[in-house]
PDB file of N, CA and C in Angstrom:
ATOM      1  N   MET A   1       9.096  23.883 -15.694  1.00  0.00           N
ATOM      2  CA  MET A   1       8.278  23.103 -14.832  1.00  0.00           C
ATOM      3  C   MET A   1       9.098  22.300 -13.810  1.00  0.00           C
ATOM      4  N   ALA A   2       8.739  22.372 -12.544  1.00  0.00           N
ATOM      5  CA  ALA A   2       9.455  21.697 -11.472  1.00  0.00           C
ATOM      6  C   ALA A   2       9.259  20.240 -11.568  1.00  0.00           C
ATOM      7  N   LYS A   3      10.363  19.527 -11.366  1.00  0.00           N
ATOM      8  CA  LYS A   3      10.352  17.991 -11.331  1.00  0.00           C
ATOM      9  C   LYS A   3       9.884  17.613  -9.940  1.00  0.00           C
ATOM     10  N   SER A   4       8.981  16.601  -9.915  1.00  0.00           N
ATOM     11  CA  SER A   4       8.564  16.101  -8.661  1.00  0.00           C
ATOM     12  C   SER A   4       9.352  14.829  -8.342  1.00  0.00           C
ATOM     13  N   TRP A   5       9.570  14.606  -7.051  1.00  0.00           N
ATOM     14  CA  TRP A   5      10.411  13.586  -6.552  1.00  0.00           C
ATOM     15  C   TRP A   5       9.546  12.618  -5.741  1.00  0.00           C
ATOM     16  N   GLY A   6       9.756  11.309  -5.896  1.00  0.00           N
ATOM     17  CA  GLY A   6       9.065  10.323  -5.129  1.00  0.00           C
ATOM     18  C   GLY A   6       9.720  10.158  -3.759  1.00  0.00           C
ATOM     19  N   PHE A   7       8.867   9.890  -2.767  1.00  0.00           N
ATOM     20  CA  PHE A   7       9.396   9.784  -1.429  1.00  0.00           C
ATOM     21  C   PHE A   7       9.232   8.316  -0.933  1.00  0.00           C
ATOM     22  N   LEU A   8       8.212   7.720  -1.302  1.00  0.00           N
ATOM     23  CA  LEU A   8       7.888   6.345  -0.857  1.00  0.00           C
ATOM     24  C   LEU A   8       7.961   5.409  -2.103  1.00  0.00           C
ATOM     25  N   THR A   9       8.022   4.127  -1.794  1.00  0.00           N
ATOM     26  CA  THR A   9       8.037   3.106  -2.903  1.00  0.00           C
ATOM     27  C   THR A   9       6.665   2.905  -3.426  1.00  0.00           C
ATOM     28  N   ASN A  10       6.607   2.287  -4.610  1.00  0.00           N
ATOM     29  CA  ASN A  10       5.240   2.005  -5.201  1.00  0.00           C
ATOM     30  C   ASN A  10       4.404   1.148  -4.246  1.00  0.00           C
ATOM     31  N   HIS A  11       5.130   0.227  -3.567  1.00  0.00           N
ATOM     32  CA  HIS A  11       4.381  -0.667  -2.595  1.00  0.00           C
ATOM     33  C   HIS A  11       3.714   0.162  -1.557  1.00  0.00           C
ATOM     34  N   ALA A  12       4.421   1.156  -0.940  1.00  0.00           N
ATOM     35  CA  ALA A  12       3.891   2.057   0.049  1.00  0.00           C
ATOM     36  C   ALA A  12       2.719   2.860  -0.533  1.00  0.00           C
ATOM     37  N   HIS A  13       2.816   3.403  -1.772  1.00  0.00           N
ATOM     38  CA  HIS A  13       1.822   4.185  -2.325  1.00  0.00           C
ATOM     39  C   HIS A  13       0.502   3.365  -2.531  1.00  0.00           C
ATOM     40  N   VAL A  14       0.701   2.112  -2.950  1.00  0.00           N
ATOM     41  CA  VAL A  14      -0.478   1.145  -3.134  1.00  0.00           C
ATOM     42  C   VAL A  14      -1.135   0.912  -1.727  1.00  0.00           C
ATOM     43  N   LEU A  15      -0.330   0.652  -0.717  1.00  0.00           N
ATOM     44  CA  LEU A  15      -0.856   0.434   0.599  1.00  0.00           C
ATOM     45  C   LEU A  15      -1.677   1.663   1.086  1.00  0.00           C
ATOM     46  N   ILE A  16      -1.123   2.793   0.886  1.00  0.00           N
ATOM     47  CA  ILE A  16      -1.782   4.072   1.299  1.00  0.00           C
ATOM     48  C   ILE A  16      -3.186   4.125   0.664  1.00  0.00           C
ATOM     49  N   GLN A  17      -3.247   3.912  -0.658  1.00  0.00           N
ATOM     50  CA  GLN A  17      -4.533   3.971  -1.352  1.00  0.00           C
ATOM     51  C   GLN A  17      -5.479   2.955  -0.866  1.00  0.00           C
ATOM     52  N   ILE A  18      -5.029   1.735  -0.606  1.00  0.00           N
ATOM     53  CA  ILE A  18      -5.918   0.662  -0.070  1.00  0.00           C
ATOM     54  C   ILE A  18      -6.428   1.065   1.275  1.00  0.00           C
ATOM     55  N   ALA A  19      -5.528   1.631   2.113  1.00  0.00           N
ATOM     56  CA  ALA A  19      -5.876   2.067   3.524  1.00  0.00           C
ATOM     57  C   ALA A  19      -6.913   3.158   3.421  1.00  0.00           C
ATOM     58  N   ARG A  20      -6.833   4.125   2.378  1.00  0.00           N
ATOM     59  CA  ARG A  20      -7.734   5.233   2.231  1.00  0.00           C
ATOM     60  C   ARG A  20      -9.086   4.778   1.685  1.00  0.00           C
ATOM     61  N   ASP A  21      -9.032   3.739   0.755  1.00  0.00           N
ATOM     62  CA  ASP A  21     -10.321   3.330   0.139  1.00  0.00           C
ATOM     63  C   ASP A  21     -10.159   1.855  -0.344  1.00  0.00           C
ATOM     64  N   PRO A  22     -10.481   0.918   0.541  1.00  0.00           N
ATOM     65  CA  PRO A  22     -10.362  -0.494   0.158  1.00  0.00           C
ATOM     66  C   PRO A  22     -11.185  -0.921  -1.077  1.00  0.00           C
ATOM     67  N   ARG A  23     -12.098  -0.156  -1.475  1.00  0.00           N
ATOM     68  CA  ARG A  23     -12.927  -0.424  -2.605  1.00  0.00           C
ATOM     69  C   ARG A  23     -12.433   0.145  -3.910  1.00  0.00           C
ATOM     70  N   SER A  24     -11.195   0.725  -3.845  1.00  0.00           N
ATOM     71  CA  SER A  24     -10.574   1.239  -5.055  1.00  0.00           C
ATOM     72  C   SER A  24     -10.323   0.095  -6.074  1.00  0.00           C
ATOM     73  N   THR A  25     -10.556   0.420  -7.378  1.00  0.00           N
ATOM     74  CA  THR A  25     -10.200  -0.457  -8.411  1.00  0.00           C
ATOM     75  C   THR A  25      -8.658  -0.401  -8.639  1.00  0.00           C
ATOM     76  N   VAL A  26      -8.203  -1.317  -9.419  1.00  0.00           N
ATOM     77  CA  VAL A  26      -6.807  -1.286  -9.820  1.00  0.00           C
ATOM     78  C   VAL A  26      -6.498  -0.024 -10.568  1.00  0.00           C
ATOM     79  N   ARG A  27      -7.482   0.367 -11.452  1.00  0.00           N
ATOM     80  CA  ARG A  27      -7.324   1.695 -12.123  1.00  0.00           C
ATOM     81  C   ARG A  27      -7.146   2.773 -11.250  1.00  0.00           C
ATOM     82  N   ARG A  28      -7.992   2.907 -10.253  1.00  0.00           N
ATOM     83  CA  ARG A  28      -7.966   3.987  -9.234  1.00  0.00           C
ATOM     84  C   ARG A  28      -6.696   3.968  -8.400  1.00  0.00           C
ATOM     85  N   ILE A  29      -6.330   2.807  -7.985  1.00  0.00           N
ATOM     86  CA  ILE A  29      -5.103   2.708  -7.163  1.00  0.00           C
ATOM     87  C   ILE A  29      -3.889   3.115  -8.008  1.00  0.00           C
ATOM     88  N   ALA A  30      -3.865   2.703  -9.315  1.00  0.00           N
ATOM     89  CA  ALA A  30      -2.772   3.102 -10.212  1.00  0.00           C
ATOM     90  C   ALA A  30      -2.734   4.651 -10.368  1.00  0.00           C
ATOM     91  N   ALA A  31      -3.869   5.239 -10.494  1.00  0.00           N
ATOM     92  CA  ALA A  31      -3.970   6.677 -10.789  1.00  0.00           C
ATOM     93  C   ALA A  31      -3.527   7.466  -9.483  1.00  0.00           C
ATOM     94  N   GLU A  32      -4.022   7.044  -8.335  1.00  0.00           N
ATOM     95  CA  GLU A  32      -3.649   7.650  -7.104  1.00  0.00           C
ATOM     96  C   GLU A  32      -2.171   7.493  -6.735  1.00  0.00           C
ATOM     97  N   ALA A  33      -1.688   6.252  -7.069  1.00  0.00           N
ATOM     98  CA  ALA A  33      -0.267   6.017  -6.788  1.00  0.00           C
ATOM     99  C   ALA A  33       0.674   6.592  -7.800  1.00  0.00           C
ATOM    100  N   GLY A  34       0.131   6.985  -8.937  1.00  0.00           N
ATOM    101  CA  GLY A  34       0.972   7.556  -9.989  1.00  0.00           C
ATOM    102  C   GLY A  34       1.898   6.478 -10.711  1.00  0.00           C
ATOM    103  N   ILE A  35       1.255   5.332 -10.840  1.00  0.00           N
ATOM    104  CA  ILE A  35       1.982   4.219 -11.536  1.00  0.00           C
ATOM    105  C   ILE A  35       1.040   3.583 -12.567  1.00  0.00           C
ATOM    106  N   THR A  36       1.534   2.749 -13.441  1.00  0.00           N
ATOM    107  CA  THR A  36       0.769   2.118 -14.455  1.00  0.00           C
ATOM    108  C   THR A  36      -0.111   1.029 -13.779  1.00  0.00           C
ATOM    109  N   GLU A  37      -1.217   0.664 -14.485  1.00  0.00           N
ATOM    110  CA  GLU A  37      -1.973  -0.470 -14.015  1.00  0.00           C
ATOM    111  C   GLU A  37      -1.215  -1.795 -13.941  1.00  0.00           C
ATOM    112  N   ARG A  38      -0.353  -1.935 -14.927  1.00  0.00           N
ATOM    113  CA  ARG A  38       0.483  -3.184 -14.900  1.00  0.00           C
ATOM    114  C   ARG A  38       1.400  -3.221 -13.693  1.00  0.00           C
ATOM    115  N   ALA A  39       2.013  -2.037 -13.300  1.00  0.00           N
ATOM    116  CA  ALA A  39       2.824  -1.950 -12.154  1.00  0.00           C
ATOM    117  C   ALA A  39       1.975  -2.215 -10.929  1.00  0.00           C
ATOM    118  N   THR A  40       0.775  -1.710 -10.862  1.00  0.00           N
ATOM    119  CA  THR A  40      -0.121  -1.869  -9.745  1.00  0.00           C
ATOM    120  C   THR A  40      -0.416  -3.337  -9.600  1.00  0.00           C
ATOM    121  N   HIS A  41      -0.768  -4.059 -10.646  1.00  0.00           N
ATOM    122  CA  HIS A  41      -0.945  -5.496 -10.574  1.00  0.00           C
ATOM    123  C   HIS A  41       0.239  -6.172  -9.993  1.00  0.00           C
ATOM    124  N   THR A  42       1.454  -5.791 -10.404  1.00  0.00           N
ATOM    125  CA  THR A  42       2.670  -6.411  -9.880  1.00  0.00           C
ATOM    126  C   THR A  42       2.842  -6.203  -8.379  1.00  0.00           C
ATOM    127  N   VAL A  43       2.663  -4.929  -8.010  1.00  0.00           N
ATOM    128  CA  VAL A  43       2.711  -4.550  -6.570  1.00  0.00           C
ATOM    129  C   VAL A  43       1.649  -5.377  -5.793  1.00  0.00           C
ATOM    130  N   LEU A  44       0.417  -5.370  -6.244  1.00  0.00           N
ATOM    131  CA  LEU A  44      -0.632  -6.119  -5.541  1.00  0.00           C
ATOM    132  C   LEU A  44      -0.307  -7.554  -5.414  1.00  0.00           C
ATOM    133  N   SER A  45       0.299  -8.121  -6.449  1.00  0.00           N
ATOM    134  CA  SER A  45       0.709  -9.557  -6.442  1.00  0.00           C
ATOM    135  C   SER A  45       1.769  -9.747  -5.347  1.00  0.00           C
ATOM    136  N   ASP A  46       2.776  -8.869  -5.268  1.00  0.00           N
ATOM    137  CA  ASP A  46       3.769  -8.944  -4.278  1.00  0.00           C
ATOM    138  C   ASP A  46       3.165  -8.931  -2.871  1.00  0.00           C
ATOM    139  N   LEU A  47       2.345  -7.883  -2.696  1.00  0.00           N
ATOM    140  CA  LEU A  47       1.712  -7.687  -1.313  1.00  0.00           C
ATOM    141  C   LEU A  47       0.816  -8.837  -0.931  1.00  0.00           C
ATOM    142  N   ARG A  48       0.096  -9.398  -1.966  1.00  0.00           N
ATOM    143  CA  ARG A  48      -0.723 -10.545  -1.680  1.00  0.00           C
ATOM    144  C   ARG A  48       0.076 -11.834  -1.328  1.00  0.00           C
ATOM    145  N   GLU A  49       1.212 -11.960  -2.021  1.00  0.00           N
ATOM    146  CA  GLU A  49       2.044 -13.163  -1.908  1.00  0.00           C
ATOM    147  C   GLU A  49       2.631 -13.117  -0.450  1.00  0.00           C
ATOM    148  N   GLU A  50       2.961 -11.930   0.034  1.00  0.00           N
ATOM    149  CA  GLU A  50       3.508 -11.720   1.409  1.00  0.00           C
ATOM    150  C   GLU A  50       2.337 -11.821   2.464  1.00  0.00           C
ATOM    151  N   GLY A  51       1.103 -11.776   2.108  1.00  0.00           N
ATOM    152  CA  GLY A  51      -0.019 -11.845   3.015  1.00  0.00           C
ATOM    153  C   GLY A  51      -0.304 -10.547   3.622  1.00  0.00           C
ATOM    154  N   ILE A  52       0.238  -9.475   3.102  1.00  0.00           N
ATOM    155  CA  ILE A  52       0.021  -8.140   3.642  1.00  0.00           C
ATOM    156  C   ILE A  52      -1.277  -7.564   3.160  1.00  0.00           C
ATOM    157  N   VAL A  53      -1.597  -7.881   1.884  1.00  0.00           N
ATOM    158  CA  VAL A  53      -2.925  -7.411   1.324  1.00  0.00           C
ATOM    159  C   VAL A  53      -3.722  -8.591   0.997  1.00  0.00           C
ATOM    160  N   LEU A  54      -4.942  -8.591   1.361  1.00  0.00           N
ATOM    161  CA  LEU A  54      -5.957  -9.683   1.060  1.00  0.00           C
ATOM    162  C   LEU A  54      -7.001  -9.119   0.191  1.00  0.00           C
ATOM    163  N   ALA A  55      -7.556  -9.993  -0.787  1.00  0.00           N
ATOM    164  CA  ALA A  55      -8.529  -9.566  -1.672  1.00  0.00           C
ATOM    165  C   ALA A  55      -9.754 -10.455  -1.609  1.00  0.00           C
ATOM    166  N   ARG A  56     -10.911  -9.893  -1.807  1.00  0.00           N
ATOM    167  CA  ARG A  56     -12.076 -10.737  -1.944  1.00  0.00           C
ATOM    168  C   ARG A  56     -12.997 -10.145  -3.066  1.00  0.00           C
ATOM    169  N   ARG A  57     -13.736 -10.962  -3.665  1.00  0.00           N
ATOM    170  CA  ARG A  57     -14.616 -10.473  -4.682  1.00  0.00           C
ATOM    171  C   ARG A  57     -15.916  -9.882  -4.079  1.00  0.00           C
ATOM    172  N   GLU A  58     -16.268  -8.764  -4.631  1.00  0.00           N
ATOM    173  CA  GLU A  58     -17.630  -8.161  -4.382  1.00  0.00           C
ATOM    174  C   GLU A  58     -18.189  -7.878  -5.736  1.00  0.00           C
ATOM    175  N   GLY A  59     -19.103  -8.706  -6.198  1.00  0.00           N
ATOM    176  CA  GLY A  59     -19.692  -8.578  -7.449  1.00  0.00           C
ATOM    177  C   GLY A  59     -18.594  -8.768  -8.527  1.00  0.00           C
ATOM    178  N   ARG A  60     -18.405  -7.732  -9.378  1.00  0.00           N
ATOM    179  CA  ARG A  60     -17.405  -7.849 -10.482  1.00  0.00           C
ATOM    180  C   ARG A  60     -16.021  -7.309 -10.155  1.00  0.00           C
ATOM    181  N   LYS A  61     -15.827  -6.788  -8.954  1.00  0.00           N
ATOM    182  CA  LYS A  61     -14.476  -6.302  -8.669  1.00  0.00           C
ATOM    183  C   LYS A  61     -13.920  -6.862  -7.363  1.00  0.00           C
ATOM    184  N   ASN A  62     -12.614  -6.703  -7.167  1.00  0.00           N
ATOM    185  CA  ASN A  62     -11.924  -7.053  -5.982  1.00  0.00           C
ATOM    186  C   ASN A  62     -12.022  -5.982  -4.987  1.00  0.00           C
ATOM    187  N   VAL A  63     -12.152  -6.300  -3.717  1.00  0.00           N
ATOM    188  CA  VAL A  63     -12.065  -5.363  -2.622  1.00  0.00           C
ATOM    189  C   VAL A  63     -10.798  -5.801  -1.775  1.00  0.00           C
ATOM    190  N   TYR A  64      -9.962  -4.796  -1.560  1.00  0.00           N
ATOM    191  CA  TYR A  64      -8.726  -5.128  -0.943  1.00  0.00           C
ATOM    192  C   TYR A  64      -8.690  -4.668   0.518  1.00  0.00           C
ATOM    193  N   HIS A  65      -7.978  -5.317   1.370  1.00  0.00           N
ATOM    194  CA  HIS A  65      -7.742  -4.795   2.630  1.00  0.00           C
ATOM    195  C   HIS A  65      -6.358  -5.238   3.155  1.00  0.00           C
ATOM    196  N   ILE A  66      -5.861  -4.507   4.135  1.00  0.00           N
ATOM    197  CA  ILE A  66      -4.589  -4.740   4.617  1.00  0.00           C
ATOM    198  C   ILE A  66      -4.624  -5.605   5.917  1.00  0.00           C
ATOM    199  N   ASP A  67      -3.822  -6.607   5.984  1.00  0.00           N
ATOM    200  CA  ASP A  67      -3.757  -7.453   7.195  1.00  0.00           C
ATOM    201  C   ASP A  67      -2.771  -6.689   8.073  1.00  0.00           C
ATOM    202  N   LEU A  68      -3.341  -5.895   8.996  1.00  0.00           N
ATOM    203  CA  LEU A  68      -2.511  -5.046   9.793  1.00  0.00           C
ATOM    204  C   LEU A  68      -1.552  -5.775  10.731  1.00  0.00           C
ATOM    205  N   PRO A  69      -1.839  -6.864  11.350  1.00  0.00           N
ATOM    206  CA  PRO A  69      -0.884  -7.610  12.086  1.00  0.00           C
ATOM    207  C   PRO A  69       0.367  -8.049  11.242  1.00  0.00           C
ATOM    208  N   LYS A  70       0.057  -8.563  10.048  1.00  0.00           N
ATOM    209  CA  LYS A  70       1.092  -8.952   9.099  1.00  0.00           C
ATOM    210  C   LYS A  70       1.973  -7.764   8.641  1.00  0.00           C
ATOM    211  N   LEU A  71       1.330  -6.569   8.401  1.00  0.00           N
ATOM    212  CA  LEU A  71       1.992  -5.424   8.018  1.00  0.00           C
ATOM    213  C   LEU A  71       2.970  -4.976   9.085  1.00  0.00           C
ATOM    214  N   MET A  72       2.412  -4.928  10.342  1.00  0.00           N
ATOM    215  CA  MET A  72       3.226  -4.477  11.458  1.00  0.00           C
ATOM    216  C   MET A  72       4.399  -5.318  11.737  1.00  0.00           C
ATOM    217  N   ASN A  73       4.326  -6.608  11.434  1.00  0.00           N
ATOM    218  CA  ASN A  73       5.419  -7.567  11.715  1.00  0.00           C
ATOM    219  C   ASN A  73       6.137  -7.935  10.414  1.00  0.00           C
ATOM    220  N   GLY A  74       5.961  -7.236   9.374  1.00  0.00           N
ATOM    221  CA  GLY A  74       6.479  -7.617   8.069  1.00  0.00           C
ATOM    222  C   GLY A  74       8.035  -7.559   8.027  1.00  0.00           C
ATOM    223  N   SER A  75       8.681  -8.591   7.632  1.00  0.00           N
ATOM    224  CA  SER A  75      10.074  -8.600   7.547  1.00  0.00           C
ATOM    225  C   SER A  75      10.607  -7.852   6.314  1.00  0.00           C
ATOM    226  N   ARG A  76       9.793  -7.525   5.383  1.00  0.00           N
ATOM    227  CA  ARG A  76      10.203  -6.785   4.161  1.00  0.00           C
ATOM    228  C   ARG A  76      10.556  -5.373   4.473  1.00  0.00           C
ATOM    229  N   TRP A  77       9.971  -4.846   5.545  1.00  0.00           N
ATOM    230  CA  TRP A  77      10.124  -3.371   5.794  1.00  0.00           C
ATOM    231  C   TRP A  77      11.404  -3.161   6.557  1.00  0.00           C
ATOM    232  N   SER A  78      12.525  -2.938   5.852  1.00  0.00           N
ATOM    233  CA  SER A  78      13.782  -2.768   6.527  1.00  0.00           C
ATOM    234  C   SER A  78      14.558  -1.583   5.836  1.00  0.00           C
ATOM    235  N   ALA A  79      15.428  -1.045   6.624  1.00  0.00           N
ATOM    236  CA  ALA A  79      16.170   0.035   6.107  1.00  0.00           C
ATOM    237  C   ALA A  79      17.629  -0.367   5.750  1.00  0.00           C
ATOM    238  N   SER A  80      18.237   0.367   4.864  1.00  0.00           N
ATOM    239  CA  SER A  80      19.668   0.144   4.703  1.00  0.00           C
ATOM    240  C   SER A  80      20.324   1.522   4.778  1.00  0.00           C
ATOM    241  N   ALA A  81      21.596   1.588   4.718  1.00  0.00           N
ATOM    242  CA  ALA A  81      22.296   2.883   4.847  1.00  0.00           C
ATOM    243  C   ALA A  81      21.922   3.886   3.753  1.00  0.00           C
ATOM    244  N   MET A  82      21.540   3.390   2.620  1.00  0.00           N
ATOM    245  CA  MET A  82      21.203   4.374   1.478  1.00  0.00           C
ATOM    246  C   MET A  82      19.747   4.588   1.328  1.00  0.00           C
ATOM    247  N   GLU A  83      18.858   3.982   2.119  1.00  0.00           N
ATOM    248  CA  GLU A  83      17.433   4.064   1.919  1.00  0.00           C
ATOM    249  C   GLU A  83      16.809   4.867   3.080  1.00  0.00           C
ATOM    250  N   ILE A  84      15.515   4.730   3.156  1.00  0.00           N
ATOM    251  CA  ILE A  84      14.775   5.459   4.203  1.00  0.00           C
ATOM    252  C   ILE A  84      15.192   4.866   5.599  1.00  0.00           C
ATOM    253  N   PRO A  85      15.450   5.723   6.595  1.00  0.00           N
ATOM    254  CA  PRO A  85      15.769   5.219   7.929  1.00  0.00           C
ATOM    255  C   PRO A  85      14.737   4.412   8.589  1.00  0.00           C
ATOM    256  N   GLN A  86      15.060   3.435   9.339  1.00  0.00           N
ATOM    257  CA  GLN A  86      14.134   2.533  10.042  1.00  0.00           C
ATOM    258  C   GLN A  86      13.038   3.285  10.851  1.00  0.00           C
ATOM    259  N   PRO A  87      13.397   4.343  11.581  1.00  0.00           N
ATOM    260  CA  PRO A  87      12.323   5.024  12.382  1.00  0.00           C
ATOM    261  C   PRO A  87      11.263   5.670  11.417  1.00  0.00           C
ATOM    262  N   LEU A  88      11.661   6.050  10.278  1.00  0.00           N
ATOM    263  CA  LEU A  88      10.623   6.561   9.347  1.00  0.00           C
ATOM    264  C   LEU A  88       9.816   5.458   8.790  1.00  0.00           C
ATOM    265  N   ILE A  89      10.405   4.345   8.481  1.00  0.00           N
ATOM    266  CA  ILE A  89       9.608   3.160   8.044  1.00  0.00           C
ATOM    267  C   ILE A  89       8.589   2.780   9.135  1.00  0.00           C
ATOM    268  N   ASP A  90       8.996   2.754  10.360  1.00  0.00           N
ATOM    269  CA  ASP A  90       8.104   2.335  11.446  1.00  0.00           C
ATOM    270  C   ASP A  90       6.978   3.362  11.612  1.00  0.00           C
ATOM    271  N   ALA A  91       7.265   4.604  11.549  1.00  0.00           N
ATOM    272  CA  ALA A  91       6.250   5.651  11.615  1.00  0.00           C
ATOM    273  C   ALA A  91       5.277   5.630  10.501  1.00  0.00           C
ATOM    274  N   THR A  92       5.777   5.244   9.278  1.00  0.00           N
ATOM    275  CA  THR A  92       4.886   5.102   8.147  1.00  0.00           C
ATOM    276  C   THR A  92       3.979   3.921   8.274  1.00  0.00           C
ATOM    277  N   VAL A  93       4.486   2.836   8.799  1.00  0.00           N
ATOM    278  CA  VAL A  93       3.596   1.608   9.029  1.00  0.00           C
ATOM    279  C   VAL A  93       2.589   1.934  10.090  1.00  0.00           C
ATOM    280  N   ARG A  94       2.953   2.632  11.101  1.00  0.00           N
ATOM    281  CA  ARG A  94       2.000   3.019  12.231  1.00  0.00           C
ATOM    282  C   ARG A  94       0.920   3.919  11.629  1.00  0.00           C
ATOM    283  N   GLY A  95       1.352   4.860  10.758  1.00  0.00           N
ATOM    284  CA  GLY A  95       0.372   5.800  10.149  1.00  0.00           C
ATOM    285  C   GLY A  95      -0.553   5.026   9.221  1.00  0.00           C
ATOM    286  N   LEU A  96       0.000   4.083   8.428  1.00  0.00           N
ATOM    287  CA  LEU A  96      -0.981   3.253   7.583  1.00  0.00           C
ATOM    288  C   LEU A  96      -1.978   2.545   8.457  1.00  0.00           C
ATOM    289  N   ALA A  97      -1.559   2.031   9.614  1.00  0.00           N
ATOM    290  CA  ALA A  97      -2.491   1.279  10.439  1.00  0.00           C
ATOM    291  C   ALA A  97      -3.585   2.211  10.910  1.00  0.00           C
ATOM    292  N   ARG A  98      -3.253   3.492  11.334  1.00  0.00           N
ATOM    293  CA  ARG A  98      -4.233   4.458  11.757  1.00  0.00           C
ATOM    294  C   ARG A  98      -5.145   4.818  10.664  1.00  0.00           C
ATOM    295  N   VAL A  99      -4.651   4.980   9.484  1.00  0.00           N
ATOM    296  CA  VAL A  99      -5.589   5.333   8.354  1.00  0.00           C
ATOM    297  C   VAL A  99      -6.498   4.169   8.068  1.00  0.00           C
ATOM    298  N   ALA A 100      -5.955   2.985   8.023  1.00  0.00           N
ATOM    299  CA  ALA A 100      -6.770   1.835   7.640  1.00  0.00           C
ATOM    300  C   ALA A 100      -7.879   1.574   8.757  1.00  0.00           C
ATOM    301  N   THR A 101      -7.556   1.768  10.004  1.00  0.00           N
ATOM    302  CA  THR A 101      -8.597   1.537  10.993  1.00  0.00           C
ATOM    303  C   THR A 101      -9.606   2.674  11.146  1.00  0.00           C
ATOM    304  N   SER A 102      -9.271   3.870  10.622  1.00  0.00           N
ATOM    305  CA  SER A 102     -10.223   4.948  10.753  1.00  0.00           C
ATOM    306  C   SER A 102     -10.910   5.296   9.469  1.00  0.00           C
ATOM    307  N   SER A 103     -10.602   4.551   8.383  1.00  0.00           N
ATOM    308  CA  SER A 103     -11.179   4.768   7.081  1.00  0.00           C
ATOM    309  C   SER A 103     -12.698   4.439   7.084  1.00  0.00           C
ATOM    310  N   PRO A 104     -13.503   5.425   6.620  1.00  0.00           N
ATOM    311  CA  PRO A 104     -14.969   5.154   6.589  1.00  0.00           C
ATOM    312  C   PRO A 104     -15.366   4.142   5.532  1.00  0.00           C
ATOM    313  N   ALA A 105     -14.426   3.861   4.592  1.00  0.00           N
ATOM    314  CA  ALA A 105     -14.768   2.892   3.484  1.00  0.00           C
ATOM    315  C   ALA A 105     -14.478   1.498   3.864  1.00  0.00           C
ATOM    316  N   SER A 106     -13.856   1.247   5.020  1.00  0.00           N
ATOM    317  CA  SER A 106     -13.420  -0.107   5.506  1.00  0.00           C
ATOM    318  C   SER A 106     -14.639  -0.912   5.869  1.00  0.00           C
TER     319      SER A 106
END
């Protein structure tokens, strides 16, 4: 069986799922991101603390959305010599913004 390799961080995977479907539950975000629910809660906490992800209650569940201006200007998105190059990070952030603004679930 071939080993699969991750390309993006858990934070990026969670952001992608929120952009695709803001009404995703933590369980769904975790399943789509390929991480545990506990890890998803940690990532969501990080992103909410930075103001990149906002949540509001709708009935019994949270609905998440990305604060696009904060995401685009986020100081956390930086490259180092051993990580993903800055142009790829910039392109990924722009792609997330396009997905979030064109998502029918938004």
